C-alpha atoms as a PDB file:
ATOM      1  CA  MET A   1      32.358 287.673 162.391  1.00  0.00           C
ATOM      2  CA  SER A   2      32.164 288.319 158.660  1.00  0.00           C
ATOM      3  CA  LEU A   3      29.716 290.740 157.130  1.00  0.00           C
ATOM      4  CA  THR A   4      28.893 291.059 153.465  1.00  0.00           C
ATOM      5  CA  ALA A   5      27.717 294.139 151.642  1.00  0.00           C
ATOM      6  CA  CYS A   6      26.686 293.688 147.987  1.00  0.00           C
ATOM      7  CA  GLY A   7      29.106 290.808 147.600  1.00  0.00           C
ATOM      8  CA  LEU A   8      31.940 292.749 149.247  1.00  0.00           C
ATOM      9  CA  ALA A   9      33.254 290.884 152.282  1.00  0.00           C
ATOM     10  CA  VAL A  10      33.864 293.222 155.191  1.00  0.00           C
ATOM     11  CA  ARG A  11      35.916 291.273 157.687  1.00  0.00           C
ATOM     12  CA  PRO A  12      37.188 292.178 161.119  1.00  0.00           C
ATOM     13  CA  LEU A  13      40.816 292.810 161.916  1.00  0.00           C
ATOM     14  CA  ALA A  14      43.187 289.942 162.667  1.00  0.00           C
ATOM     15  CA  ASN A  15      41.907 289.792 166.218  1.00  0.00           C
ATOM     16  CA  PRO A  16      38.599 287.900 166.372  1.00  0.00           C
ATOM     17  CA  GLY A  17      36.992 290.329 168.756  1.00  0.00           C
ATOM     18  CA  VAL A  18      36.796 293.339 166.474  1.00  0.00           C
ATOM     19  CA  THR A  19      33.380 294.069 165.048  1.00  0.00           C
ATOM     20  CA  TYR A  20      32.261 296.687 162.567  1.00  0.00           C
ATOM     21  CA  ASP A  21      28.903 297.982 163.745  1.00  0.00           C
ATOM     22  CA  GLY A  22      26.256 299.050 161.354  1.00  0.00           C
ATOM     23  CA  PHE A  23      27.347 297.478 158.088  1.00  0.00           C
ATOM     24  CA  ALA A  24      24.273 296.153 156.352  1.00  0.00           C
ATOM     25  CA  SER A  25      23.429 294.934 152.879  1.00  0.00           C
ATOM     26  CA  ASP A  26      20.598 297.426 152.452  1.00  0.00           C
ATOM     27  CA  GLN A  27      23.128 300.264 152.434  1.00  0.00           C
ATOM     28  CA  CYS A  28      24.482 299.364 149.028  1.00  0.00           C
ATOM     29  CA  SER A  29      23.908 301.560 146.044  1.00  0.00           C
ATOM     30  CA  PRO A  30      21.612 300.305 143.269  1.00  0.00           C
ATOM     31  CA  GLY A  31      24.569 299.708 140.993  1.00  0.00           C
ATOM     32  CA  GLY A  32      26.171 297.304 143.436  1.00  0.00           C
ATOM     33  CA  GLY A  33      28.765 299.731 144.761  1.00  0.00           C
ATOM     34  CA  VAL A  34      29.301 300.952 148.280  1.00  0.00           C
ATOM     35  CA  SER A  35      26.772 303.538 149.388  1.00  0.00           C
ATOM     36  CA  SER A  36      27.622 306.858 151.026  1.00  0.00           C
ATOM     37  CA  GLU A  37      25.892 305.659 154.215  1.00  0.00           C
ATOM     38  CA  LEU A  38      28.205 302.674 154.414  1.00  0.00           C
ATOM     39  CA  ILE A  39      31.248 304.898 153.860  1.00  0.00           C
ATOM     40  CA  LEU A  40      30.066 307.235 156.613  1.00  0.00           C
ATOM     41  CA  GLN A  41      29.533 304.250 158.916  1.00  0.00           C
ATOM     42  CA  ALA A  42      33.060 303.032 158.171  1.00  0.00           C
ATOM     43  CA  ILE A  43      34.505 306.460 159.003  1.00  0.00           C
ATOM     44  CA  VAL A  44      32.594 306.649 162.298  1.00  0.00           C
ATOM     45  CA  THR A  45      33.646 303.099 163.175  1.00  0.00           C
ATOM     46  CA  GLY A  46      37.240 304.019 162.329  1.00  0.00           C
ATOM     47  CA  VAL A  47      37.129 307.053 164.612  1.00  0.00           C
ATOM     48  CA  LEU A  48      35.790 304.949 167.483  1.00  0.00           C
ATOM     49  CA  LEU A  49      38.373 302.235 166.843  1.00  0.00           C
ATOM     50  CA  GLY A  50      41.016 304.954 166.750  1.00  0.00           C
ATOM     51  CA  GLY A  51      40.052 305.800 170.317  1.00  0.00           C
ATOM     52  CA  VAL A  52      40.828 302.199 171.287  1.00  0.00           C
ATOM     53  CA  TYR A  53      44.206 302.371 169.533  1.00  0.00           C
ATOM     54  CA  SER A  54      44.966 305.657 171.273  1.00  0.00           C
ATOM     55  CA  LEU A  55      44.348 304.105 174.692  1.00  0.00           C
ATOM     56  CA  ILE A  56      47.018 301.522 173.929  1.00  0.00           C
ATOM     57  CA  CYS A  57      49.503 303.977 172.447  1.00  0.00           C
ATOM     58  CA  THR A  58      49.548 306.716 175.093  1.00  0.00           C
ATOM     59  CA  GLY A  59      51.705 304.671 177.472  1.00  0.00           C
ATOM     60  CA  LEU A  60      54.046 303.534 174.700  1.00  0.00           C
ATOM     61  CA  THR A  61      54.387 307.136 173.537  1.00  0.00           C
ATOM     62  CA  LEU A  62      55.426 308.181 177.041  1.00  0.00           C
ATOM     63  CA  THR A  63      58.052 305.475 177.584  1.00  0.00           C
ATOM     64  CA  PHE A  64      59.374 305.770 174.030  1.00  0.00           C
ATOM     65  CA  GLY A  65      59.566 309.549 174.242  1.00  0.00           C
ATOM     66  CA  VAL A  66      61.208 309.719 177.666  1.00  0.00           C
ATOM     67  CA  MET A  67      63.618 306.761 177.710  1.00  0.00           C
ATOM     68  CA  ARG A  68      64.064 306.157 173.965  1.00  0.00           C
ATOM     69  CA  ILE A  69      63.513 302.480 174.633  1.00  0.00           C
ATOM     70  CA  ILE A  70      61.239 300.334 172.469  1.00  0.00           C
ATOM     71  CA  ASN A  71      59.022 298.319 174.794  1.00  0.00           C
ATOM     72  CA  PHE A  72      58.335 295.203 172.721  1.00  0.00           C
ATOM     73  CA  ALA A  73      56.442 293.757 175.703  1.00  0.00           C
ATOM     74  CA  HIS A  74      53.881 296.581 175.722  1.00  0.00           C
ATOM     75  CA  GLY A  75      51.270 294.398 174.010  1.00  0.00           C
ATOM     76  CA  GLU A  76      51.780 291.617 176.540  1.00  0.00           C
ATOM     77  CA  PHE A  77      51.237 294.048 179.429  1.00  0.00           C
ATOM     78  CA  LEU A  78      47.944 294.914 177.726  1.00  0.00           C
ATOM     79  CA  MET A  79      47.128 291.205 177.664  1.00  0.00           C
ATOM     80  CA  VAL A  80      47.862 291.019 181.406  1.00  0.00           C
ATOM     81  CA  ALA A  81      45.519 293.970 182.003  1.00  0.00           C
ATOM     82  CA  MET A  82      42.742 292.335 180.003  1.00  0.00           C
ATOM     83  CA  TYR A  83      43.063 288.996 181.796  1.00  0.00           C
ATOM     84  CA  ALA A  84      43.136 290.781 185.168  1.00  0.00           C
ATOM     85  CA  SER A  85      39.978 292.667 184.191  1.00  0.00           C
ATOM     86  CA  TYR A  86      38.336 289.453 182.994  1.00  0.00           C
ATOM     87  CA  PHE A  87      38.926 287.617 186.268  1.00  0.00           C
ATOM     88  CA  PHE A  88      37.810 290.679 188.237  1.00  0.00           C
ATOM     89  CA  VAL A  89      34.519 290.698 186.330  1.00  0.00           C
ATOM     90  CA  GLN A  90      34.099 286.953 186.777  1.00  0.00           C
ATOM     91  CA  SER A  91      34.766 287.190 190.509  1.00  0.00           C
ATOM     92  CA  PHE A  92      32.622 290.210 191.370  1.00  0.00           C
ATOM     93  CA  HIS A  93      29.986 290.018 188.599  1.00  0.00           C
ATOM     94  CA  THR A  94      30.290 293.676 187.678  1.00  0.00           C
ATOM     95  CA  GLU A  95      31.062 295.754 184.601  1.00  0.00           C
ATOM     96  CA  SER A  96      34.650 295.685 183.361  1.00  0.00           C
ATOM     97  CA  TYR A  97      34.941 299.439 183.814  1.00  0.00           C
ATOM     98  CA  VAL A  98      34.870 298.980 187.594  1.00  0.00           C
ATOM     99  CA  ALA A  99      38.023 296.872 187.280  1.00  0.00           C
ATOM    100  CA  ILE A 100      39.989 300.053 186.524  1.00  0.00           C
ATOM    101  CA  LEU A 101      40.007 300.742 190.283  1.00  0.00           C
ATOM    102  CA  VAL A 102      42.132 297.614 190.792  1.00  0.00           C
ATOM    103  CA  VAL A 103      43.857 297.019 187.448  1.00  0.00           C
ATOM    104  CA  LEU A 104      45.205 300.575 187.036  1.00  0.00           C
ATOM    105  CA  PRO A 105      47.224 300.644 190.293  1.00  0.00           C
ATOM    106  CA  GLY A 106      48.155 296.985 189.764  1.00  0.00           C
ATOM    107  CA  LEU A 107      49.627 297.693 186.323  1.00  0.00           C
ATOM    108  CA  PHE A 108      51.440 300.761 187.658  1.00  0.00           C
ATOM    109  CA  VAL A 109      53.103 298.631 190.362  1.00  0.00           C
ATOM    110  CA  LEU A 110      53.908 295.949 187.770  1.00  0.00           C
ATOM    111  CA  GLY A 111      55.529 298.611 185.607  1.00  0.00           C
ATOM    112  CA  VAL A 112      57.594 299.931 188.501  1.00  0.00           C
ATOM    113  CA  VAL A 113      58.793 296.431 189.439  1.00  0.00           C
ATOM    114  CA  THR A 114      59.595 295.619 185.803  1.00  0.00           C
ATOM    115  CA  PHE A 115      61.588 298.825 185.465  1.00  0.00           C
ATOM    116  CA  GLN A 116      63.601 298.160 188.616  1.00  0.00           C
ATOM    117  CA  LEU A 117      64.381 294.537 187.787  1.00  0.00           C
ATOM    118  CA  LEU A 118      64.751 294.571 184.002  1.00  0.00           C
ATOM    119  CA  ILE A 119      64.643 297.997 182.356  1.00  0.00           C
ATOM    120  CA  ARG A 120      66.923 300.045 184.589  1.00  0.00           C
ATOM    121  CA  PRO A 121      69.982 297.771 184.117  1.00  0.00           C
ATOM    122  CA  ILE A 122      69.756 298.000 180.308  1.00  0.00           C
ATOM    123  CA  LEU A 123      69.040 301.725 179.837  1.00  0.00           C
ATOM    124  CA  GLY A 124      72.651 302.350 178.853  1.00  0.00           C
ATOM    125  CA  ALA A 125      73.058 299.115 176.915  1.00  0.00           C
ATOM    126  CA  GLU A 126      73.180 298.642 173.166  1.00  0.00           C
ATOM    127  CA  PRO A 127      69.773 298.891 171.428  1.00  0.00           C
ATOM    128  CA  LEU A 128      70.083 295.283 170.270  1.00  0.00           C
ATOM    129  CA  ASN A 129      70.486 294.079 173.862  1.00  0.00           C
ATOM    130  CA  GLN A 130      67.460 296.123 174.926  1.00  0.00           C
ATOM    131  CA  MET A 131      65.414 294.669 172.096  1.00  0.00           C
ATOM    132  CA  LEU A 132      66.403 291.081 172.896  1.00  0.00           C
ATOM    133  CA  LEU A 133      65.509 291.460 176.570  1.00  0.00           C
ATOM    134  CA  LEU A 134      62.118 293.015 175.894  1.00  0.00           C
ATOM    135  CA  VAL A 135      61.251 290.538 173.144  1.00  0.00           C
ATOM    136  CA  GLY A 136      62.215 287.788 175.576  1.00  0.00           C
ATOM    137  CA  LEU A 137      59.971 289.335 178.243  1.00  0.00           C
ATOM    138  CA  SER A 138      57.070 289.453 175.793  1.00  0.00           C
ATOM    139  CA  LEU A 139      57.565 285.766 174.953  1.00  0.00           C
ATOM    140  CA  VAL A 140      57.694 284.841 178.635  1.00  0.00           C
ATOM    141  CA  LEU A 141      54.460 286.725 179.373  1.00  0.00           C
ATOM    142  CA  GLN A 142      52.678 285.373 176.306  1.00  0.00           C
ATOM    143  CA  ASN A 143      53.680 281.748 176.852  1.00  0.00           C
ATOM    144  CA  GLY A 144      53.014 282.061 180.571  1.00  0.00           C
ATOM    145  CA  ALA A 145      49.465 283.158 179.787  1.00  0.00           C
ATOM    146  CA  LEU A 146      49.168 280.312 177.286  1.00  0.00           C
ATOM    147  CA  ALA A 147      50.192 277.787 179.936  1.00  0.00           C
ATOM    148  CA  LEU A 148      47.941 279.261 182.627  1.00  0.00           C
ATOM    149  CA  PHE A 149      44.828 280.120 180.645  1.00  0.00           C
ATOM    150  CA  SER A 150      45.023 277.890 177.519  1.00  0.00           C
ATOM    151  CA  PRO A 151      44.625 279.289 173.981  1.00  0.00           C
ATOM    152  CA  ASP A 152      40.834 279.429 174.326  1.00  0.00           C
ATOM    153  CA  THR A 153      39.177 282.778 173.674  1.00  0.00           C
ATOM    154  CA  ARG A 154      37.419 284.439 176.594  1.00  0.00           C
ATOM    155  CA  SER A 155      34.901 287.253 176.714  1.00  0.00           C
ATOM    156  CA  VAL A 156      32.592 288.945 179.189  1.00  0.00           C
ATOM    157  CA  GLN A 157      28.858 289.461 179.024  1.00  0.00           C
ATOM    158  CA  SER A 158      28.304 293.161 179.547  1.00  0.00           C
ATOM    159  CA  ALA A 159      24.979 294.937 179.862  1.00  0.00           C
ATOM    160  CA  LEU A 160      26.387 297.462 177.379  1.00  0.00           C
ATOM    161  CA  LEU A 161      27.713 294.891 174.915  1.00  0.00           C
ATOM    162  CA  TYR A 162      24.855 295.283 172.426  1.00  0.00           C
ATOM    163  CA  SER A 163      23.909 298.841 173.385  1.00  0.00           C
ATOM    164  CA  LYS A 164      24.034 301.252 170.489  1.00  0.00           C
ATOM    165  CA  ILE A 165      23.134 304.766 169.463  1.00  0.00           C
ATOM    166  CA  GLU A 166      21.497 305.324 166.089  1.00  0.00           C
ATOM    167  CA  LEU A 167      22.080 308.644 164.356  1.00  0.00           C
ATOM    168  CA  GLY A 168      20.179 308.297 161.110  1.00  0.00           C
ATOM    169  CA  GLU A 169      21.948 305.573 159.120  1.00  0.00           C
ATOM    170  CA  VAL A 170      24.965 305.559 161.437  1.00  0.00           C
ATOM    171  CA  ILE A 171      25.142 303.113 164.336  1.00  0.00           C
ATOM    172  CA  ILE A 172      27.517 303.767 167.235  1.00  0.00           C
ATOM    173  CA  GLY A 173      28.370 300.980 169.674  1.00  0.00           C
ATOM    174  CA  VAL A 174      28.267 302.262 173.254  1.00  0.00           C
ATOM    175  CA  PRO A 175      31.379 300.319 174.453  1.00  0.00           C
ATOM    176  CA  LYS A 176      33.421 301.833 171.625  1.00  0.00           C
ATOM    177  CA  LEU A 177      32.014 305.268 172.382  1.00  0.00           C
ATOM    178  CA  ILE A 178      33.056 304.919 176.022  1.00  0.00           C
ATOM    179  CA  ALA A 179      36.551 303.809 174.964  1.00  0.00           C
ATOM    180  CA  PHE A 180      36.746 306.768 172.567  1.00  0.00           C
ATOM    181  CA  ALA A 181      35.747 309.292 175.245  1.00  0.00           C
ATOM    182  CA  THR A 182      38.170 307.722 177.711  1.00  0.00           C
ATOM    183  CA  SER A 183      41.037 307.912 175.219  1.00  0.00           C
ATOM    184  CA  ILE A 184      40.443 311.643 174.764  1.00  0.00           C
ATOM    185  CA  ALA A 185      40.365 312.146 178.538  1.00  0.00           C
ATOM    186  CA  VAL A 186      43.539 310.089 179.146  1.00  0.00           C
ATOM    187  CA  THR A 187      45.448 311.867 176.372  1.00  0.00           C
ATOM    188  CA  LEU A 188      44.475 315.317 177.659  1.00  0.00           C
ATOM    189  CA  ALA A 189      45.279 314.288 181.245  1.00  0.00           C
ATOM    190  CA  LEU A 190      48.775 313.130 180.274  1.00  0.00           C
ATOM    191  CA  TYR A 191      49.288 316.264 178.199  1.00  0.00           C
ATOM    192  CA  TRP A 192      48.318 318.386 181.205  1.00  0.00           C
ATOM    193  CA  LEU A 193      50.593 316.324 183.461  1.00  0.00           C
ATOM    194  CA  LEU A 194      53.593 316.905 181.214  1.00  0.00           C
ATOM    195  CA  CYS A 195      52.951 320.592 180.547  1.00  0.00           C
ATOM    196  CA  SER A 196      51.514 321.916 183.815  1.00  0.00           C
ATOM    197  CA  THR A 197      53.048 319.998 186.708  1.00  0.00           C
ATOM    198  CA  GLU A 198      56.467 319.852 188.315  1.00  0.00           C
ATOM    199  CA  LEU A 199      56.681 316.110 187.614  1.00  0.00           C
ATOM    200  CA  GLY A 200      55.875 316.770 183.966  1.00  0.00           C
ATOM    201  CA  ARG A 201      58.631 319.379 183.704  1.00  0.00           C
ATOM    202  CA  ARG A 202      61.089 316.905 185.209  1.00  0.00           C
ATOM    203  CA  ILE A 203      59.991 314.213 182.771  1.00  0.00           C
ATOM    204  CA  ARG A 204      60.403 316.564 179.803  1.00  0.00           C
ATOM    205  CA  ALA A 205      63.803 317.703 181.060  1.00  0.00           C
ATOM    206  CA  ALA A 206      64.995 314.107 181.404  1.00  0.00           C
ATOM    207  CA  ALA A 207      63.655 313.308 177.947  1.00  0.00           C
ATOM    208  CA  ASN A 208      65.427 316.248 176.325  1.00  0.00           C
ATOM    209  CA  ASP A 209      68.838 315.853 177.977  1.00  0.00           C
ATOM    210  CA  ARG A 210      69.472 313.334 180.753  1.00  0.00           C
ATOM    211  CA  GLU A 211      72.906 314.647 181.683  1.00  0.00           C
ATOM    212  CA  ALA A 212      71.760 318.276 181.888  1.00  0.00           C
ATOM    213  CA  ALA A 213      68.717 317.246 183.924  1.00  0.00           C
ATOM    214  CA  ALA A 214      70.939 315.321 186.355  1.00  0.00           C
ATOM    215  CA  LEU A 215      73.216 318.353 186.700  1.00  0.00           C
ATOM    216  CA  MET A 216      70.167 320.463 187.595  1.00  0.00           C
ATOM    217  CA  GLY A 217      69.401 318.149 190.505  1.00  0.00           C
ATOM    218  CA  ILE A 218      66.745 315.967 188.851  1.00  0.00           C
ATOM    219  CA  ASN A 219      66.795 312.305 189.850  1.00  0.00           C
ATOM    220  CA  VAL A 220      66.665 310.886 186.320  1.00  0.00           C
ATOM    221  CA  ASN A 221      66.323 307.279 187.470  1.00  0.00           C
ATOM    222  CA  ARG A 222      63.297 308.133 189.582  1.00  0.00           C
ATOM    223  CA  VAL A 223      61.765 310.106 186.711  1.00  0.00           C
ATOM    224  CA  ASN A 224      62.277 307.164 184.357  1.00  0.00           C
ATOM    225  CA  LEU A 225      60.745 304.794 186.910  1.00  0.00           C
ATOM    226  CA  ILE A 226      57.646 306.959 187.310  1.00  0.00           C
ATOM    227  CA  ALA A 227      57.327 307.468 183.542  1.00  0.00           C
ATOM    228  CA  PHE A 228      57.549 303.736 182.868  1.00  0.00           C
ATOM    229  CA  GLY A 229      55.062 303.026 185.660  1.00  0.00           C
ATOM    230  CA  ILE A 230      52.611 305.544 184.191  1.00  0.00           C
ATOM    231  CA  GLY A 231      53.132 304.121 180.697  1.00  0.00           C
ATOM    232  CA  ILE A 232      52.276 300.594 181.820  1.00  0.00           C
ATOM    233  CA  GLY A 233      49.570 301.930 184.145  1.00  0.00           C
ATOM    234  CA  CYS A 234      47.760 303.437 181.151  1.00  0.00           C
ATOM    235  CA  LEU A 235      47.135 299.868 180.030  1.00  0.00           C
ATOM    236  CA  GLY A 236      45.273 299.402 183.296  1.00  0.00           C
ATOM    237  CA  ILE A 237      42.707 301.743 181.768  1.00  0.00           C
ATOM    238  CA  ALA A 238      42.916 300.329 178.243  1.00  0.00           C
ATOM    239  CA  GLY A 239      42.391 296.699 179.312  1.00  0.00           C
ATOM    240  CA  PRO A 240      39.036 297.158 181.080  1.00  0.00           C
ATOM    241  CA  MET A 241      37.838 299.509 178.338  1.00  0.00           C
ATOM    242  CA  MET A 242      38.629 296.988 175.623  1.00  0.00           C
ATOM    243  CA  LEU A 243      37.188 293.968 177.402  1.00  0.00           C
ATOM    244  CA  PRO A 244      33.591 294.445 176.144  1.00  0.00           C
ATOM    245  CA  ILE A 245      34.877 294.940 172.580  1.00  0.00           C
ATOM    246  CA  PHE A 246      37.525 292.259 172.077  1.00  0.00           C
ATOM    247  CA  TYR A 247      37.934 288.603 172.900  1.00  0.00           C
ATOM    248  CA  ILE A 248      40.942 287.733 175.057  1.00  0.00           C
ATOM    249  CA  VAL A 249      43.593 285.281 173.896  1.00  0.00           C
ATOM    250  CA  PRO A 250      47.214 284.975 175.098  1.00  0.00           C
ATOM    251  CA  ASN A 251      48.597 286.445 171.862  1.00  0.00           C
ATOM    252  CA  ILE A 252      46.217 289.410 171.649  1.00  0.00           C
ATOM    253  CA  GLY A 253      49.095 291.793 172.371  1.00  0.00           C
ATOM    254  CA  SER A 254      51.024 290.723 169.272  1.00  0.00           C
ATOM    255  CA  PHE A 255      48.513 292.396 166.986  1.00  0.00           C
ATOM    256  CA  PHE A 256      48.138 295.573 168.996  1.00  0.00           C
ATOM    257  CA  ILE A 257      51.854 296.173 169.506  1.00  0.00           C
ATOM    258  CA  LEU A 258      52.343 296.375 165.726  1.00  0.00           C
ATOM    259  CA  ILE A 259      49.546 298.933 165.429  1.00  0.00           C
ATOM    260  CA  ALA A 260      50.944 300.813 168.426  1.00  0.00           C
ATOM    261  CA  PHE A 261      54.384 301.157 166.816  1.00  0.00           C
ATOM    262  CA  VAL A 262      52.805 302.488 163.636  1.00  0.00           C
ATOM    263  CA  VAL A 263      50.760 305.037 165.590  1.00  0.00           C
ATOM    264  CA  VAL A 264      53.702 306.213 167.722  1.00  0.00           C
ATOM    265  CA  VAL A 265      55.909 306.775 164.678  1.00  0.00           C
ATOM    266  CA  LEU A 266      53.162 308.469 162.645  1.00  0.00           C
ATOM    267  CA  GLY A 267      52.257 310.728 165.560  1.00  0.00           C
ATOM    268  CA  GLY A 268      55.832 311.779 166.269  1.00  0.00           C
ATOM    269  CA  ILE A 269      58.004 310.452 169.071  1.00  0.00           C
ATOM    270  CA  GLY A 270      56.672 311.590 172.462  1.00  0.00           C
ATOM    271  CA  ASN A 271      53.778 313.560 170.936  1.00  0.00           C
ATOM    272  CA  PHE A 272      50.542 312.617 172.753  1.00  0.00           C
ATOM    273  CA  ILE A 273      48.248 314.746 170.613  1.00  0.00           C
ATOM    274  CA  GLY A 274      49.998 313.496 167.493  1.00  0.00           C
ATOM    275  CA  ALA A 275      49.532 309.896 168.646  1.00  0.00           C
ATOM    276  CA  LEU A 276      45.829 310.574 169.213  1.00  0.00           C
ATOM    277  CA  PHE A 277      45.310 311.879 165.676  1.00  0.00           C
ATOM    278  CA  ALA A 278      47.562 309.176 164.220  1.00  0.00           C
ATOM    279  CA  SER A 279      45.339 306.569 165.902  1.00  0.00           C
ATOM    280  CA  PHE A 280      42.364 308.003 164.036  1.00  0.00           C
ATOM    281  CA  VAL A 281      44.277 308.074 160.748  1.00  0.00           C
ATOM    282  CA  VAL A 282      45.320 304.426 161.109  1.00  0.00           C
ATOM    283  CA  ALA A 283      41.887 303.185 162.189  1.00  0.00           C
ATOM    284  CA  ILE A 284      39.956 305.116 159.516  1.00  0.00           C
ATOM    285  CA  THR A 285      42.388 303.911 156.852  1.00  0.00           C
ATOM    286  CA  GLU A 286      41.854 300.351 157.998  1.00  0.00           C
ATOM    287  CA  SER A 287      38.087 300.701 158.253  1.00  0.00           C
ATOM    288  CA  LEU A 288      37.709 302.230 154.785  1.00  0.00           C
ATOM    289  CA  GLY A 289      40.114 299.680 153.375  1.00  0.00           C
ATOM    290  CA  ALA A 290      37.834 296.910 154.646  1.00  0.00           C
ATOM    291  CA  LEU A 291      35.126 298.295 152.349  1.00  0.00           C
ATOM    292  CA  PHE A 292      37.131 298.606 149.169  1.00  0.00           C
ATOM    293  CA  MET A 293      39.879 295.988 149.411  1.00  0.00           C
ATOM    294  CA  PRO A 294      39.270 292.272 148.850  1.00  0.00           C
ATOM    295  CA  GLY A 295      39.483 289.632 151.532  1.00  0.00           C
ATOM    296  CA  SER A 296      41.478 290.431 154.672  1.00  0.00           C
ATOM    297  CA  THR A 297      43.969 292.771 153.020  1.00  0.00           C
ATOM    298  CA  ALA A 298      42.733 295.948 154.759  1.00  0.00           C
ATOM    299  CA  PRO A 299      45.115 295.620 157.769  1.00  0.00           C
ATOM    300  CA  VAL A 300      48.010 295.997 155.312  1.00  0.00           C
ATOM    301  CA  LEU A 301      47.122 299.645 154.604  1.00  0.00           C
ATOM    302  CA  PRO A 302      48.404 301.164 157.886  1.00  0.00           C
ATOM    303  CA  PHE A 303      51.774 299.496 157.329  1.00  0.00           C
ATOM    304  CA  VAL A 304      51.940 300.813 153.771  1.00  0.00           C
ATOM    305  CA  LEU A 305      51.247 304.278 155.196  1.00  0.00           C
ATOM    306  CA  PHE A 306      53.909 303.632 157.835  1.00  0.00           C
ATOM    307  CA  ILE A 307      56.538 302.854 155.178  1.00  0.00           C
ATOM    308  CA  LEU A 308      55.612 305.927 153.132  1.00  0.00           C
ATOM    309  CA  VAL A 309      55.883 308.199 156.172  1.00  0.00           C
ATOM    310  CA  LEU A 310      59.286 306.753 157.084  1.00  0.00           C
ATOM    311  CA  LEU A 311      60.466 307.415 153.536  1.00  0.00           C
ATOM    312  CA  PHE A 312      59.146 310.953 153.065  1.00  0.00           C
ATOM    313  CA  LYS A 313      58.488 312.354 156.576  1.00  0.00           C
ATOM    314  CA  PRO A 314      60.507 310.310 159.082  1.00  0.00           C
ATOM    315  CA  GLU A 315      59.735 312.692 161.950  1.00  0.00           C
ATOM    316  CA  GLY A 316      56.092 311.601 161.730  1.00  0.00           C
ATOM    317  CA  LEU A 317      52.947 313.226 160.412  1.00  0.00           C
ATOM    318  CA  PHE A 318      52.602 315.389 163.513  1.00  0.00           C
ATOM    319  CA  GLY A 319      56.227 315.552 164.666  1.00  0.00           C
ATOM    320  CA  ALA A 320      58.538 318.547 164.414  1.00  0.00           C
ATOM    321  CA  ARG A 321      61.390 318.285 161.962  1.00  0.00           C
ATOM    322  CA  ALA A 322      64.742 317.953 163.716  1.00  0.00           C
ATOM    323  CA  ARG A 323      67.109 320.868 163.162  1.00  0.00           C
END
């Protein structure tokens, strides 16, 4: 989908399923520039898209923060969640949101099995070995989906697909609004889990110092297993939420994993609230860039921001400086 405003091409992100609601040619200023209404629409769209990014990044933030392992297959697990949601909808003729009841526990179990078979043996290995294994896992999942489902795009017909809320000149897509609200709820729920429960205290202890946690009687391996299962399980929420918004293709995870890494680093390692706000920063930057930058160059902006943050504030925009 390509929309044009006063000769300015406003294109979707690299994934073909992203749409920018509410951009219209009658919102241009008389001089041919971009009107304030269009800028406001881009900001609102960026905030809503940031909620989608946050849904993807919460699980990666957890596993990265606890185990200090970079899960390069995180995007492919998202792809698995989206395909599972798609076939659930096709089988039972219901809304994709209902699929959470099945996909969430299914992804948690998949995460637990993956940890036991693949992640646990490499936790003490060299970072390069960890990276090679997880990149290999992502390629296996992606090419397996390509062989099983073909490269054809798939989508679902939802009753909410074209539902929208109009607030003056601003148009809000209902599926994106639901994803946004869900991302806030999931982030706050994980924050509460880590700060107010015994399991959360064990997870934080293992993340801070594994050896000290083990000496205090904490089963670090079990904590890591549960944390990885929760991290992958979060995608069991993200997949159904994203299904009405994005098309599904076997390589859909490749785009989102890059954005997820940017968000996790900008938000600060293991910082859920930071990752939430970083998701908004990245999405708004991208959305505004689509208005003012030519062609399809807007997706470059988050990576430029990523490089600048690594150079001048490597602990992240919302991370605490190491002492």
